[in-house]
Amino acid sequence: MKKLIYILSISLLFSCHNQAQINPKQQEVIDAEPVVVPLKDGKARAYFASGCFWCVEAIYESVKGVDEVINGYSGGFTTDINYKKSNTGRTGHAEAVEVIYDPEVVSFATLVDVYFGSQNPTQVNGQGPDKGSQYRSIIFYQDQDQKKIIEEKKAALAKQLDAEIAAEIYPFQKFYEGEAYHQDFEKRNPNQSYIRAVSIPRLNRFKAKFPELLKDDEKH
């Protein structure tokens, strides 16, 4: 009996914990209508969260058709957001990137392939050594066509791996640009310890997996 009570108590604890991750304000974000970001000078924008944004920025910037990647925060319920507040894990936001790309060169579907192919898709609340809700995986959609692409690719990957895929699917609401010192971080700090130990190996694994997607100057 004591063992049964213990098991039930633990189950209840985890159940309450999981429910606590989605507070009413966060649920409003999840249930909101997506915001469509219009083309600007023929360029589209897509938004992804996949662990440390230094890593994700470098990966997407290596892809043909991508003009620029900006690091920042998205997916949360607070409007006053910065790196320090994001790191508390209490804002609902995750470190995210804004990918500015030419849809005539690279499709949104391909960017989703890059997303899933450049991470550990089964790791919950983080990537590699970076753990916490601020590092969780999220793909943001701006319309139902994008949502369908994401859902189909996620389901196919789950079937292929015979595993649950951790990435959440959110309607895009707003992207908050990160601090200046976070932008182009890997390029500007190639010898920084985290970059050498985590970012560069992750980028190189992606390059080896998808050589056909790389810009000419990235094929080395």
Protein backbone atom coordinates (compact mmCIF):
# COMPACT_ATOMS: atom_id res chain seq x y z
CA MET A 1 0.00 0.00 0.00
CA LYS A 2 2.79 2.41 0.91
CA LYS A 3 4.45 1.67 -2.43
CA LEU A 4 1.18 2.35 -4.28
CA ILE A 5 0.66 5.64 -2.44
CA TYR A 6 4.24 6.65 -3.26
CA ILE A 7 3.76 5.89 -6.96
CA LEU A 8 0.47 7.82 -7.06
CA SER A 9 2.10 10.77 -5.29
CA ILE A 10 4.95 10.87 -7.78
CA SER A 11 2.52 10.62 -10.69
CA LEU A 12 0.47 13.49 -9.33
CA LEU A 13 3.60 15.56 -8.79
CA PHE A 14 4.71 15.14 -12.40
CA SER A 15 1.18 15.71 -13.66
CA CYS A 16 0.94 18.99 -11.77
CA HIS A 17 4.42 19.95 -12.93
CA ASN A 18 3.53 19.36 -16.57
CA GLN A 19 0.32 21.35 -16.24
CA ALA A 20 2.26 24.16 -14.60
CA GLN A 21 4.41 24.49 -17.72
CA ILE A 22 1.36 25.77 -19.64
CA ASN A 23 -0.11 28.63 -17.65
CA PRO A 24 -3.16 30.54 -18.98
CA LYS A 25 -1.04 33.25 -20.60
CA GLN A 26 1.10 30.68 -22.40
CA GLN A 27 -2.03 28.84 -23.53
CA GLU A 28 -3.27 32.06 -25.11
CA VAL A 29 -0.09 32.17 -27.19
CA ILE A 30 -0.54 28.55 -28.27
CA ASP A 31 -4.20 29.11 -29.21
CA ALA A 32 -3.72 32.45 -30.98
CA GLU A 33 -4.22 33.06 -34.69
CA PRO A 34 -0.87 33.16 -36.50
CA VAL A 35 0.58 36.45 -37.66
CA VAL A 36 1.66 36.55 -41.31
CA VAL A 37 4.90 38.41 -41.97
CA PRO A 38 4.68 39.94 -45.48
CA LEU A 39 7.46 39.66 -48.03
CA LYS A 40 9.90 42.55 -47.98
CA ASP A 41 12.01 43.17 -51.09
CA GLY A 42 11.04 39.68 -52.22
CA LYS A 43 12.35 38.07 -49.05
CA ALA A 44 10.34 35.95 -46.62
CA ARG A 45 10.89 35.32 -42.93
CA ALA A 46 10.63 32.11 -40.93
CA TYR A 47 11.09 31.49 -37.22
CA PHE A 48 12.62 28.53 -35.39
CA ALA A 49 13.78 27.66 -31.87
CA SER A 50 16.25 24.80 -31.44
CA GLY A 51 18.49 25.25 -28.43
CA CYS A 52 21.18 27.92 -28.30
CA PHE A 53 20.56 30.52 -30.98
CA TRP A 54 24.29 30.88 -31.65
CA CYS A 55 24.21 27.34 -33.05
CA VAL A 56 21.01 27.73 -35.03
CA GLU A 57 22.09 31.04 -36.55
CA ALA A 58 25.28 29.51 -37.97
CA ILE A 59 23.41 26.53 -39.42
CA TYR A 60 20.80 28.56 -41.28
CA GLU A 61 23.34 31.09 -42.52
CA SER A 62 25.15 28.24 -44.30
CA VAL A 63 22.04 27.39 -46.37
CA LYS A 64 21.61 28.50 -49.99
CA GLY A 65 18.90 31.12 -50.32
CA VAL A 66 19.23 32.42 -46.76
CA ASP A 67 20.28 36.07 -46.70
CA GLU A 68 20.49 36.70 -42.98
CA VAL A 69 19.67 35.18 -39.61
CA ILE A 70 18.85 37.24 -36.54
CA ASN A 71 18.99 35.90 -32.98
CA GLY A 72 16.24 36.69 -30.51
CA TYR A 73 13.31 35.37 -28.53
CA SER A 74 9.82 34.13 -29.39
CA GLY A 75 7.00 31.92 -28.18
CA GLY A 76 6.38 33.52 -24.81
CA PHE A 77 3.79 35.67 -23.09
CA THR A 78 5.94 38.54 -21.81
CA THR A 79 6.70 41.67 -23.81
CA ASP A 80 9.65 42.86 -21.77
CA ILE A 81 12.19 40.23 -22.75
CA ASN A 82 15.97 40.07 -22.79
CA TYR A 83 18.67 37.43 -22.44
CA LYS A 84 18.73 37.54 -18.64
CA LYS A 85 14.95 37.24 -18.33
CA SER A 86 14.79 34.50 -20.96
CA ASN A 87 17.32 32.47 -19.01
CA THR A 88 14.98 32.31 -16.01
CA GLY A 89 12.70 30.00 -18.00
CA ARG A 90 9.69 31.91 -16.67
CA THR A 91 8.84 34.11 -19.65
CA GLY A 92 7.49 31.40 -21.96
CA HIS A 93 10.00 32.49 -24.58
CA ALA A 94 12.63 30.33 -26.20
CA GLU A 95 15.84 31.43 -27.84
CA ALA A 96 14.82 31.68 -31.49
CA VAL A 97 16.05 32.83 -34.87
CA GLU A 98 14.50 34.89 -37.63
CA VAL A 99 15.56 33.42 -40.98
CA ILE A 100 15.39 35.91 -43.85
CA TYR A 101 15.35 33.96 -47.10
CA ASP A 102 14.58 34.06 -50.82
CA PRO A 103 11.56 31.76 -51.40
CA GLU A 104 12.58 31.50 -55.07
CA VAL A 105 15.79 29.75 -53.97
CA VAL A 106 14.86 27.84 -50.82
CA SER A 107 11.39 26.79 -49.72
CA PHE A 108 9.85 26.87 -46.26
CA ALA A 109 9.61 23.07 -46.46
CA THR A 110 13.37 22.84 -46.97
CA LEU A 111 13.97 25.15 -44.01
CA VAL A 112 11.89 22.72 -41.92
CA ASP A 113 14.09 19.87 -43.18
CA VAL A 114 17.12 21.88 -42.08
CA TYR A 115 15.48 22.36 -38.70
CA PHE A 116 14.83 18.70 -37.99
CA GLY A 117 18.08 17.58 -39.61
CA SER A 118 20.30 19.83 -37.52
CA GLN A 119 19.23 18.84 -34.01
CA ASN A 120 18.45 15.93 -31.74
CA PRO A 121 14.72 15.87 -32.49
CA THR A 122 13.82 13.77 -29.45
CA GLN A 123 15.51 15.93 -26.79
CA VAL A 124 12.91 17.68 -24.66
CA ASN A 125 13.51 21.18 -23.29
CA GLY A 126 16.94 21.71 -24.78
CA GLN A 127 19.65 20.75 -27.21
CA GLY A 128 22.93 19.18 -26.18
CA PRO A 129 24.21 20.72 -22.96
CA ASP A 130 21.65 23.55 -23.00
CA LYS A 131 18.64 22.53 -20.94
CA GLY A 132 15.53 24.40 -19.87
CA SER A 133 12.29 25.65 -21.42
CA GLN A 134 14.17 28.63 -22.86
CA TYR A 135 16.07 26.15 -25.05
CA ARG A 136 13.09 24.04 -26.11
CA SER A 137 12.38 23.24 -29.73
CA ILE A 138 9.56 25.18 -31.42
CA ILE A 139 8.63 25.65 -35.07
CA PHE A 140 6.47 28.67 -35.79
CA TYR A 141 3.91 28.73 -38.58
CA GLN A 142 2.33 31.80 -40.20
CA ASP A 143 -0.53 30.11 -42.03
CA GLN A 144 -2.26 26.75 -42.35
CA ASP A 145 -0.10 25.69 -45.30
CA GLN A 146 3.04 26.07 -43.19
CA LYS A 147 1.39 24.29 -40.29
CA LYS A 148 0.51 21.34 -42.52
CA ILE A 149 4.10 21.11 -43.80
CA ILE A 150 5.44 21.08 -40.24
CA GLU A 151 2.93 18.54 -38.97
CA GLU A 152 3.52 16.15 -41.88
CA LYS A 153 7.31 16.30 -41.57
CA LYS A 154 7.14 15.88 -37.81
CA ALA A 155 4.87 12.85 -38.15
CA ALA A 156 7.10 11.29 -40.82
CA LEU A 157 10.16 11.76 -38.63
CA ALA A 158 8.40 10.25 -35.62
CA LYS A 159 7.53 7.21 -37.72
CA GLN A 160 11.06 6.96 -39.11
CA LEU A 161 12.67 7.12 -35.66
CA ASP A 162 9.86 5.29 -33.89
CA ALA A 163 10.07 7.99 -31.24
CA GLU A 164 8.24 11.05 -30.00
CA ILE A 165 9.48 14.29 -31.56
CA ALA A 166 9.99 17.06 -29.03
CA ALA A 167 9.41 20.08 -31.27
CA GLU A 168 6.34 22.13 -30.39
CA ILE A 169 4.31 23.80 -33.13
CA TYR A 170 3.26 27.38 -32.37
CA PRO A 171 1.42 30.07 -34.32
CA PHE A 172 3.89 32.87 -34.93
CA GLN A 173 3.06 35.99 -32.91
CA LYS A 174 6.11 38.20 -32.46
CA PHE A 175 9.88 37.98 -32.65
CA TYR A 176 11.99 40.02 -30.25
CA GLU A 177 15.45 40.75 -31.62
CA GLY A 178 18.24 39.81 -29.25
CA GLU A 179 21.07 41.94 -27.95
CA ALA A 180 23.72 43.14 -30.44
CA TYR A 181 26.46 41.01 -28.89
CA HIS A 182 24.49 37.84 -29.71
CA GLN A 183 24.36 38.55 -33.43
CA ASP A 184 26.87 36.71 -35.69
CA PHE A 185 28.33 35.34 -32.47
CA GLU A 186 30.00 32.29 -33.94
CA LYS A 187 31.59 34.25 -36.79
CA ARG A 188 32.94 36.87 -34.42
CA ASN A 189 34.04 34.44 -31.70
CA PRO A 190 35.35 31.28 -33.42
CA ASN A 191 37.69 30.46 -30.54
CA GLN A 192 35.20 30.92 -27.71
CA SER A 193 35.02 27.70 -25.69
CA TYR A 194 31.30 26.99 -26.21
CA ILE A 195 31.57 27.74 -29.92
CA ARG A 196 34.48 25.34 -30.32
CA ALA A 197 32.96 22.59 -28.20
CA VAL A 198 29.28 22.77 -29.21
CA SER A 199 28.40 25.16 -32.05
CA ILE A 200 31.06 24.25 -34.59
CA PRO A 201 30.63 20.46 -34.18
CA ARG A 202 26.85 20.87 -34.54
CA LEU A 203 27.32 22.96 -37.69
CA ASN A 204 29.79 20.47 -39.16
CA ARG A 205 27.40 17.57 -38.54
CA PHE A 206 24.73 19.46 -40.45
CA LYS A 207 27.10 20.25 -43.34
CA ALA A 208 28.08 16.60 -43.65
CA LYS A 209 24.43 15.56 -43.69
CA PHE A 210 23.13 18.14 -46.20
CA PRO A 211 25.98 19.16 -48.56
CA GLU A 212 23.50 19.86 -51.35
CA LEU A 213 21.88 22.68 -49.32
CA LEU A 214 25.08 24.59 -48.62
CA LYS A 215 26.20 27.87 -50.10
CA ASP A 216 29.27 27.51 -52.32
CA ASP A 217 31.58 29.15 -49.76
CA GLU A 218 30.34 26.73 -47.06
CA LYS A 219 31.29 23.57 -48.99
CA HIS A 220 34.55 22.77 -47.27
